Amino acid sequence: MIANLETGDIATLSAPALVSVHTAPFILIVADGVGGAASGALASSIATETILGELHRWWHKVPKRTPEVIEGALKRAIDVANRAIFEEANSSPEHHGMGTTTTLALVLDDEAFIGQVGDSRAYLVRKGVAKQITKDQSFVQRLIDAGRMTQKEAAQSEHRNIILQALGPEEKVVTDLYRLRLENDDFLVLCSDGLSNQVTTEEFGRIVRGTSQPADICNALIEEAMHTGAPDNVTVVVAHLRTVDADRAAAKAG
């Protein structure tokens, strides 16, 4: 999902659209549900709707938005979403144990503020070169950090889908926060592990180099993941970041 926090405009899989964002902030969210098809879908829906609602209210309520305040708002929104899923699961036996990953990016001016729980990822593609921004909260990532597994071994491990956290199963979660300086013509890509497990960072860059249209990039990434045998749902959102001056120059040239 992509949404403009100022206007409330939203683009989702079921209602795709170009979300107009000028100086107002916008947010990208990917939530990959776990715990069975119906329960996972419910958990991811609660997560996206709750996070968006919390941040929309925060944006219109808090005039001072320093980096620290923004990061605090992301963490609180994720905490509220976690609590909402946890309570829903406890009150509905059929959804017991449900959960969802979440990775979100709030873009304001020339910075992106990213919050993550689980293993859905954020990538930056700059001048055709992709870079993974987030670090998976996963079992294999912990082995990599401990020097007991290489990145190549992790990509082939049968344990690569074991995550250490998700929204919902526990009362509290620890959110990893990242801050990223942006440049004109950058692409910000958020995706579920159904894509990142199948498409390498180098392939991310190659695909983005082939077109500048976010919808075409999403389609190409999903097609690549499915072609290589993605066993899981594939979710991806892409934002093409352009400055106001760059858009004005392009309009004059056109």
C-alpha atoms as a PDB file:
ATOM      1  CA  MET A   1       0.000   0.000   0.000  1.00  0.00           C
ATOM      2  CA  ILE A   2       1.069   3.553  -0.736  1.00  0.00           C
ATOM      3  CA  ALA A   3      -0.721   6.475   0.872  1.00  0.00           C
ATOM      4  CA  ASN A   4      -0.432  10.256   1.073  1.00  0.00           C
ATOM      5  CA  LEU A   5      -0.655  11.201   4.746  1.00  0.00           C
ATOM      6  CA  GLU A   6      -1.820  14.733   3.971  1.00  0.00           C
ATOM      7  CA  THR A   7      -4.705  13.945   1.618  1.00  0.00           C
ATOM      8  CA  GLY A   8      -5.466  10.365   2.601  1.00  0.00           C
ATOM      9  CA  ASP A   9      -5.156   9.124  -1.008  1.00  0.00           C
ATOM     10  CA  ILE A  10      -4.410   5.380  -1.025  1.00  0.00           C
ATOM     11  CA  ALA A  11      -3.246   2.876  -3.611  1.00  0.00           C
ATOM     12  CA  THR A  12      -3.599  -0.835  -2.827  1.00  0.00           C
ATOM     13  CA  LEU A  13      -3.457  -4.085  -4.767  1.00  0.00           C
ATOM     14  CA  SER A  14      -7.243  -4.104  -5.072  1.00  0.00           C
ATOM     15  CA  ALA A  15      -7.379  -0.398  -5.976  1.00  0.00           C
ATOM     16  CA  PRO A  16      -4.141   0.500  -7.777  1.00  0.00           C
ATOM     17  CA  ALA A  17      -3.510   4.134  -8.557  1.00  0.00           C
ATOM     18  CA  LEU A  18      -0.853   6.751  -8.837  1.00  0.00           C
ATOM     19  CA  VAL A  19      -0.747   8.537  -5.491  1.00  0.00           C
ATOM     20  CA  SER A  20       0.001  12.207  -6.003  1.00  0.00           C
ATOM     21  CA  VAL A  21       2.618  13.414  -3.562  1.00  0.00           C
ATOM     22  CA  HIS A  22       4.219  16.829  -3.671  1.00  0.00           C
ATOM     23  CA  THR A  23       5.614  18.303  -0.470  1.00  0.00           C
ATOM     24  CA  ALA A  24       3.293  16.197   1.682  1.00  0.00           C
ATOM     25  CA  PRO A  25       4.677  12.982   3.209  1.00  0.00           C
ATOM     26  CA  PHE A  26       3.732   9.600   1.871  1.00  0.00           C
ATOM     27  CA  ILE A  27       4.012   6.144   3.325  1.00  0.00           C
ATOM     28  CA  LEU A  28       4.687   2.742   1.775  1.00  0.00           C
ATOM     29  CA  ILE A  29       3.663  -0.396   3.672  1.00  0.00           C
ATOM     30  CA  VAL A  30       4.181  -4.096   3.005  1.00  0.00           C
ATOM     31  CA  ALA A  31       2.627  -6.578   5.435  1.00  0.00           C
ATOM     32  CA  ASP A  32       3.068 -10.295   4.766  1.00  0.00           C
ATOM     33  CA  GLY A  33       0.626 -12.350   6.830  1.00  0.00           C
ATOM     34  CA  VAL A  34       1.452 -15.610   8.598  1.00  0.00           C
ATOM     35  CA  GLY A  35      -0.741 -18.190  10.340  1.00  0.00           C
ATOM     36  CA  GLY A  36      -2.872 -19.568   7.513  1.00  0.00           C
ATOM     37  CA  ALA A  37      -4.410 -17.841   4.507  1.00  0.00           C
ATOM     38  CA  ALA A  38      -7.452 -16.270   6.190  1.00  0.00           C
ATOM     39  CA  SER A  39      -5.663 -15.396   9.430  1.00  0.00           C
ATOM     40  CA  GLY A  40      -2.612 -14.025   7.625  1.00  0.00           C
ATOM     41  CA  ALA A  41      -4.777 -11.847   5.401  1.00  0.00           C
ATOM     42  CA  LEU A  42      -6.654 -10.522   8.432  1.00  0.00           C
ATOM     43  CA  ALA A  43      -3.432  -9.766  10.317  1.00  0.00           C
ATOM     44  CA  SER A  44      -1.891  -7.926   7.368  1.00  0.00           C
ATOM     45  CA  SER A  45      -5.099  -5.948   6.835  1.00  0.00           C
ATOM     46  CA  ILE A  46      -5.225  -4.893  10.493  1.00  0.00           C
ATOM     47  CA  ALA A  47      -1.565  -3.911  10.357  1.00  0.00           C
ATOM     48  CA  THR A  48      -1.813  -1.690   7.267  1.00  0.00           C
ATOM     49  CA  GLU A  49      -5.072  -0.030   8.277  1.00  0.00           C
ATOM     50  CA  THR A  50      -3.956   0.586  11.864  1.00  0.00           C
ATOM     51  CA  ILE A  51      -0.529   1.936  10.946  1.00  0.00           C
ATOM     52  CA  LEU A  52      -1.963   4.250   8.305  1.00  0.00           C
ATOM     53  CA  GLY A  53      -4.675   5.490  10.654  1.00  0.00           C
ATOM     54  CA  GLU A  54      -2.222   6.157  13.475  1.00  0.00           C
ATOM     55  CA  LEU A  55       0.217   8.021  11.242  1.00  0.00           C
ATOM     56  CA  HIS A  56      -2.532  10.019   9.535  1.00  0.00           C
ATOM     57  CA  ARG A  57      -3.803  11.232  12.916  1.00  0.00           C
ATOM     58  CA  TRP A  58      -0.255  11.936  14.089  1.00  0.00           C
ATOM     59  CA  TRP A  59       0.561  13.974  10.993  1.00  0.00           C
ATOM     60  CA  HIS A  60      -2.417  16.291  11.479  1.00  0.00           C
ATOM     61  CA  LYS A  61      -1.885  16.556  15.222  1.00  0.00           C
ATOM     62  CA  VAL A  62       1.852  17.066  15.759  1.00  0.00           C
ATOM     63  CA  PRO A  63       3.375  20.213  14.210  1.00  0.00           C
ATOM     64  CA  LYS A  64       6.981  19.516  15.234  1.00  0.00           C
ATOM     65  CA  ARG A  65       8.322  16.660  13.127  1.00  0.00           C
ATOM     66  CA  THR A  66      11.990  16.200  13.888  1.00  0.00           C
ATOM     67  CA  PRO A  67      13.674  12.940  12.821  1.00  0.00           C
ATOM     68  CA  GLU A  68      13.392  11.672  16.388  1.00  0.00           C
ATOM     69  CA  VAL A  69       9.686  12.545  16.532  1.00  0.00           C
ATOM     70  CA  ILE A  70       9.063  10.795  13.210  1.00  0.00           C
ATOM     71  CA  GLU A  71      10.861   7.636  14.328  1.00  0.00           C
ATOM     72  CA  GLY A  72       8.870   7.687  17.551  1.00  0.00           C
ATOM     73  CA  ALA A  73       5.647   7.949  15.556  1.00  0.00           C
ATOM     74  CA  LEU A  74       6.603   4.953  13.409  1.00  0.00           C
ATOM     75  CA  LYS A  75       7.387   2.860  16.457  1.00  0.00           C
ATOM     76  CA  ARG A  76       4.130   3.818  18.204  1.00  0.00           C
ATOM     77  CA  ALA A  77       2.065   3.041  15.104  1.00  0.00           C
ATOM     78  CA  ILE A  78       3.663  -0.393  14.831  1.00  0.00           C
ATOM     79  CA  ASP A  79       3.127  -1.027  18.547  1.00  0.00           C
ATOM     80  CA  VAL A  80      -0.566  -0.112  18.251  1.00  0.00           C
ATOM     81  CA  ALA A  81      -0.939  -2.423  15.248  1.00  0.00           C
ATOM     82  CA  ASN A  82       0.783  -5.246  17.109  1.00  0.00           C
ATOM     83  CA  ARG A  83      -1.559  -4.843  20.059  1.00  0.00           C
ATOM     84  CA  ALA A  84      -4.626  -4.776  17.803  1.00  0.00           C
ATOM     85  CA  ILE A  85      -3.625  -8.033  16.081  1.00  0.00           C
ATOM     86  CA  PHE A  86      -2.683  -9.671  19.387  1.00  0.00           C
ATOM     87  CA  GLU A  87      -6.071  -8.819  20.919  1.00  0.00           C
ATOM     88  CA  GLU A  88      -7.995  -9.954  17.829  1.00  0.00           C
ATOM     89  CA  ALA A  89      -6.146 -13.289  17.829  1.00  0.00           C
ATOM     90  CA  ASN A  90      -6.849 -13.831  21.530  1.00  0.00           C
ATOM     91  CA  SER A  91     -10.566 -13.070  21.112  1.00  0.00           C
ATOM     92  CA  SER A  92     -11.002 -15.282  18.025  1.00  0.00           C
ATOM     93  CA  PRO A  93      -9.887 -18.914  18.473  1.00  0.00           C
ATOM     94  CA  GLU A  94      -9.935 -19.488  14.709  1.00  0.00           C
ATOM     95  CA  HIS A  95      -7.244 -16.830  14.332  1.00  0.00           C
ATOM     96  CA  HIS A  96      -5.106 -17.844  17.300  1.00  0.00           C
ATOM     97  CA  GLY A  97      -1.406 -17.296  16.613  1.00  0.00           C
ATOM     98  CA  MET A  98      -1.917 -15.161  13.530  1.00  0.00           C
ATOM     99  CA  GLY A  99       0.627 -12.521  12.680  1.00  0.00           C
ATOM    100  CA  THR A 100       2.222 -10.477   9.953  1.00  0.00           C
ATOM    101  CA  THR A 101       5.527  -8.955   9.060  1.00  0.00           C
ATOM    102  CA  THR A 102       5.537  -5.251   8.362  1.00  0.00           C
ATOM    103  CA  THR A 103       8.002  -2.956   6.695  1.00  0.00           C
ATOM    104  CA  LEU A 104       7.032   0.652   6.149  1.00  0.00           C
ATOM    105  CA  ALA A 105       8.731   3.755   4.844  1.00  0.00           C
ATOM    106  CA  LEU A 106       7.640   7.316   5.542  1.00  0.00           C
ATOM    107  CA  VAL A 107       9.096   9.679   2.957  1.00  0.00           C
ATOM    108  CA  LEU A 108       9.336  13.366   3.819  1.00  0.00           C
ATOM    109  CA  ASP A 109      11.268  15.804   1.650  1.00  0.00           C
ATOM    110  CA  ASP A 110      14.623  14.131   0.970  1.00  0.00           C
ATOM    111  CA  GLU A 111      14.569  11.497   3.708  1.00  0.00           C
ATOM    112  CA  ALA A 112      12.977   8.095   4.190  1.00  0.00           C
ATOM    113  CA  PHE A 113      12.256   6.789   7.685  1.00  0.00           C
ATOM    114  CA  ILE A 114      11.862   3.013   7.720  1.00  0.00           C
ATOM    115  CA  GLY A 115      10.426   0.711  10.371  1.00  0.00           C
ATOM    116  CA  GLN A 116      10.588  -3.084  10.213  1.00  0.00           C
ATOM    117  CA  VAL A 117       9.325  -6.123  12.070  1.00  0.00           C
ATOM    118  CA  GLY A 118      10.000  -9.496  10.423  1.00  0.00           C
ATOM    119  CA  ASP A 119      11.675 -10.157   7.091  1.00  0.00           C
ATOM    120  CA  SER A 120       9.894  -8.017   4.523  1.00  0.00           C
ATOM    121  CA  ARG A 121      12.568  -5.784   3.028  1.00  0.00           C
ATOM    122  CA  ALA A 122      13.276  -2.274   1.811  1.00  0.00           C
ATOM    123  CA  TYR A 123      15.660  -1.626  -1.076  1.00  0.00           C
ATOM    124  CA  LEU A 124      17.036   1.586  -2.549  1.00  0.00           C
ATOM    125  CA  VAL A 125      17.813   1.667  -6.270  1.00  0.00           C
ATOM    126  CA  ARG A 126      20.022   4.601  -7.253  1.00  0.00           C
ATOM    127  CA  LYS A 127      21.338   5.037 -10.789  1.00  0.00           C
ATOM    128  CA  GLY A 128      20.457   1.452 -11.594  1.00  0.00           C
ATOM    129  CA  VAL A 129      22.259  -0.042  -8.599  1.00  0.00           C
ATOM    130  CA  ALA A 130      20.179  -1.707  -5.892  1.00  0.00           C
ATOM    131  CA  LYS A 131      21.067  -1.833  -2.201  1.00  0.00           C
ATOM    132  CA  GLN A 132      19.254  -3.686   0.569  1.00  0.00           C
ATOM    133  CA  ILE A 133      18.474  -1.223   3.364  1.00  0.00           C
ATOM    134  CA  THR A 134      16.827  -3.374   6.017  1.00  0.00           C
ATOM    135  CA  LYS A 135      18.188  -6.431   7.767  1.00  0.00           C
ATOM    136  CA  ASP A 136      15.897  -9.449   8.165  1.00  0.00           C
ATOM    137  CA  GLN A 137      14.748 -10.315  11.671  1.00  0.00           C
ATOM    138  CA  SER A 138      15.297 -13.977  10.868  1.00  0.00           C
ATOM    139  CA  PHE A 139      17.058 -17.086  12.102  1.00  0.00           C
ATOM    140  CA  VAL A 140      19.500 -17.209   9.180  1.00  0.00           C
ATOM    141  CA  GLN A 141      20.332 -13.500   9.530  1.00  0.00           C
ATOM    142  CA  ARG A 142      21.287 -14.128  13.145  1.00  0.00           C
ATOM    143  CA  LEU A 143      23.615 -16.911  11.962  1.00  0.00           C
ATOM    144  CA  ILE A 144      25.109 -14.540   9.379  1.00  0.00           C
ATOM    145  CA  ASP A 145      25.691 -11.891  12.051  1.00  0.00           C
ATOM    146  CA  ALA A 146      27.401 -14.516  14.226  1.00  0.00           C
ATOM    147  CA  GLY A 147      29.688 -15.540  11.367  1.00  0.00           C
ATOM    148  CA  ARG A 148      28.212 -19.044  11.212  1.00  0.00           C
ATOM    149  CA  MET A 149      26.629 -18.723   7.772  1.00  0.00           C
ATOM    150  CA  THR A 150      27.385 -16.829   4.569  1.00  0.00           C
ATOM    151  CA  GLN A 151      24.835 -14.830   2.580  1.00  0.00           C
ATOM    152  CA  LYS A 152      24.985 -17.454  -0.162  1.00  0.00           C
ATOM    153  CA  GLU A 153      24.354 -20.278   2.309  1.00  0.00           C
ATOM    154  CA  ALA A 154      21.476 -18.337   3.853  1.00  0.00           C
ATOM    155  CA  ALA A 155      19.808 -17.878   0.460  1.00  0.00           C
ATOM    156  CA  GLN A 156      19.781 -21.665   0.003  1.00  0.00           C
ATOM    157  CA  SER A 157      18.993 -22.645   3.594  1.00  0.00           C
ATOM    158  CA  GLU A 158      15.818 -24.591   4.360  1.00  0.00           C
ATOM    159  CA  HIS A 159      15.486 -22.375   7.441  1.00  0.00           C
ATOM    160  CA  ARG A 160      15.475 -19.065   5.571  1.00  0.00           C
ATOM    161  CA  ASN A 161      11.747 -18.499   6.173  1.00  0.00           C
ATOM    162  CA  ILE A 162      12.005 -18.718   9.970  1.00  0.00           C
ATOM    163  CA  ILE A 163      11.438 -15.225  11.353  1.00  0.00           C
ATOM    164  CA  LEU A 164      12.163 -14.134  14.903  1.00  0.00           C
ATOM    165  CA  GLN A 165       9.352 -11.600  15.170  1.00  0.00           C
ATOM    166  CA  ALA A 166       5.979 -10.743  13.681  1.00  0.00           C
ATOM    167  CA  LEU A 167       3.141  -8.441  14.651  1.00  0.00           C
ATOM    168  CA  GLY A 168       0.522 -10.278  16.672  1.00  0.00           C
ATOM    169  CA  PRO A 169       1.919 -13.406  18.346  1.00  0.00           C
ATOM    170  CA  GLU A 170       3.383 -11.508  21.319  1.00  0.00           C
ATOM    171  CA  GLU A 171       2.239  -8.481  23.307  1.00  0.00           C
ATOM    172  CA  LYS A 172       5.387  -6.527  22.471  1.00  0.00           C
ATOM    173  CA  VAL A 173       7.708  -6.276  19.492  1.00  0.00           C
ATOM    174  CA  VAL A 174      11.038  -4.618  18.845  1.00  0.00           C
ATOM    175  CA  THR A 175      10.989  -2.392  15.772  1.00  0.00           C
ATOM    176  CA  ASP A 176      14.176  -1.881  13.781  1.00  0.00           C
ATOM    177  CA  LEU A 177      14.479   1.696  12.506  1.00  0.00           C
ATOM    178  CA  TYR A 178      16.464   3.016   9.554  1.00  0.00           C
ATOM    179  CA  ARG A 179      16.971   6.505   8.159  1.00  0.00           C
ATOM    180  CA  LEU A 180      17.899   7.094   4.543  1.00  0.00           C
ATOM    181  CA  ARG A 181      18.895  10.244   2.645  1.00  0.00           C
ATOM    182  CA  LEU A 182      17.260  10.347  -0.776  1.00  0.00           C
ATOM    183  CA  GLU A 183      18.291  11.806  -4.112  1.00  0.00           C
ATOM    184  CA  ASN A 184      16.358  12.779  -7.203  1.00  0.00           C
ATOM    185  CA  ASP A 185      15.432   9.785  -9.395  1.00  0.00           C
ATOM    186  CA  ASP A 186      15.867   7.226  -6.601  1.00  0.00           C
ATOM    187  CA  PHE A 187      13.537   4.229  -6.422  1.00  0.00           C
ATOM    188  CA  LEU A 188      12.343   2.867  -3.092  1.00  0.00           C
ATOM    189  CA  VAL A 189      11.187  -0.762  -3.201  1.00  0.00           C
ATOM    190  CA  LEU A 190       9.438  -2.637  -0.375  1.00  0.00           C
ATOM    191  CA  CYS A 191       8.654  -6.324  -0.768  1.00  0.00           C
ATOM    192  CA  SER A 192       7.742  -9.564   0.950  1.00  0.00           C
ATOM    193  CA  ASP A 193      10.121 -12.511   1.216  1.00  0.00           C
ATOM    194  CA  GLY A 194       8.256 -14.189  -1.634  1.00  0.00           C
ATOM    195  CA  LEU A 195      10.120 -11.737  -3.864  1.00  0.00           C
ATOM    196  CA  SER A 196      13.397 -11.208  -2.006  1.00  0.00           C
ATOM    197  CA  ASN A 197      13.972 -14.970  -1.698  1.00  0.00           C
ATOM    198  CA  GLN A 198      13.767 -15.317  -5.485  1.00  0.00           C
ATOM    199  CA  VAL A 199      15.295 -12.134  -6.914  1.00  0.00           C
ATOM    200  CA  THR A 200      18.854 -11.061  -6.167  1.00  0.00           C
ATOM    201  CA  THR A 201      19.905  -7.506  -5.401  1.00  0.00           C
ATOM    202  CA  GLU A 202      21.671  -7.371  -8.771  1.00  0.00           C
ATOM    203  CA  GLU A 203      18.449  -8.414 -10.526  1.00  0.00           C
ATOM    204  CA  PHE A 204      16.557  -5.673  -8.684  1.00  0.00           C
ATOM    205  CA  GLY A 205      18.927  -3.137 -10.223  1.00  0.00           C
ATOM    206  CA  ARG A 206      18.707  -4.671 -13.693  1.00  0.00           C
ATOM    207  CA  ILE A 207      14.918  -4.628 -13.696  1.00  0.00           C
ATOM    208  CA  VAL A 208      14.704  -1.032 -12.504  1.00  0.00           C
ATOM    209  CA  ARG A 209      17.204   0.028 -15.167  1.00  0.00           C
ATOM    210  CA  GLY A 210      14.795  -1.315 -17.774  1.00  0.00           C
ATOM    211  CA  THR A 211      11.970   1.137 -17.047  1.00  0.00           C
ATOM    212  CA  SER A 212      11.188   4.177 -14.922  1.00  0.00           C
ATOM    213  CA  GLN A 213       7.505   3.325 -14.426  1.00  0.00           C
ATOM    214  CA  PRO A 214       6.720   1.931 -10.932  1.00  0.00           C
ATOM    215  CA  ALA A 215       3.848  -0.235 -12.213  1.00  0.00           C
ATOM    216  CA  ASP A 216       6.090  -1.809 -14.862  1.00  0.00           C
ATOM    217  CA  ILE A 217       8.811  -2.411 -12.283  1.00  0.00           C
ATOM    218  CA  CYS A 218       6.340  -4.149  -9.947  1.00  0.00           C
ATOM    219  CA  ASN A 219       5.073  -6.357 -12.764  1.00  0.00           C
ATOM    220  CA  ALA A 220       8.602  -7.250 -13.897  1.00  0.00           C
ATOM    221  CA  LEU A 221       9.744  -8.094 -10.367  1.00  0.00           C
ATOM    222  CA  ILE A 222       6.708 -10.293  -9.739  1.00  0.00           C
ATOM    223  CA  GLU A 223       7.143 -11.995 -13.098  1.00  0.00           C
ATOM    224  CA  GLU A 224      10.802 -12.705 -12.317  1.00  0.00           C
ATOM    225  CA  ALA A 225       9.900 -14.138  -8.898  1.00  0.00           C
ATOM    226  CA  MET A 226       7.204 -16.376 -10.338  1.00  0.00           C
ATOM    227  CA  HIS A 227       9.460 -17.469 -13.201  1.00  0.00           C
ATOM    228  CA  THR A 228      12.093 -18.632 -10.703  1.00  0.00           C
ATOM    229  CA  GLY A 229       9.504 -20.619  -8.753  1.00  0.00           C
ATOM    230  CA  ALA A 230       8.318 -18.357  -5.941  1.00  0.00           C
ATOM    231  CA  PRO A 231       6.544 -20.701  -3.489  1.00  0.00           C
ATOM    232  CA  ASP A 232       4.997 -17.850  -1.515  1.00  0.00           C
ATOM    233  CA  ASN A 233       2.815 -14.807  -2.032  1.00  0.00           C
ATOM    234  CA  VAL A 234       4.676 -11.977  -3.719  1.00  0.00           C
ATOM    235  CA  THR A 235       3.989  -8.415  -2.609  1.00  0.00           C
ATOM    236  CA  VAL A 236       5.904  -5.349  -3.779  1.00  0.00           C
ATOM    237  CA  VAL A 237       5.422  -1.581  -3.790  1.00  0.00           C
ATOM    238  CA  VAL A 238       7.654   0.837  -5.694  1.00  0.00           C
ATOM    239  CA  ALA A 239       8.029   4.601  -5.394  1.00  0.00           C
ATOM    240  CA  HIS A 240       9.889   6.737  -7.947  1.00  0.00           C
ATOM    241  CA  LEU A 241      11.222   9.738  -6.078  1.00  0.00           C
ATOM    242  CA  ARG A 242      11.564  13.011  -7.937  1.00  0.00           C
ATOM    243  CA  THR A 243      12.163  16.535  -6.678  1.00  0.00           C
ATOM    244  CA  VAL A 244       9.785  19.349  -7.529  1.00  0.00           C
ATOM    245  CA  ASP A 245      12.547  21.112  -9.485  1.00  0.00           C
ATOM    246  CA  ALA A 246      13.171  17.981 -11.554  1.00  0.00           C
ATOM    247  CA  ASP A 247       9.481  17.682 -12.421  1.00  0.00           C
ATOM    248  CA  ARG A 248       9.328  21.334 -13.442  1.00  0.00           C
ATOM    249  CA  ALA A 249      12.388  20.933 -15.662  1.00  0.00           C
ATOM    250  CA  ALA A 250      10.875  17.830 -17.285  1.00  0.00           C
ATOM    251  CA  ALA A 251       7.593  19.672 -17.916  1.00  0.00           C
ATOM    252  CA  LYS A 252       9.427  22.545 -19.618  1.00  0.00           C
ATOM    253  CA  ALA A 253      11.461  20.149 -21.726  1.00  0.00           C
ATOM    254  CA  GLY A 254       8.312  18.331 -22.772  1.00  0.00           C
END
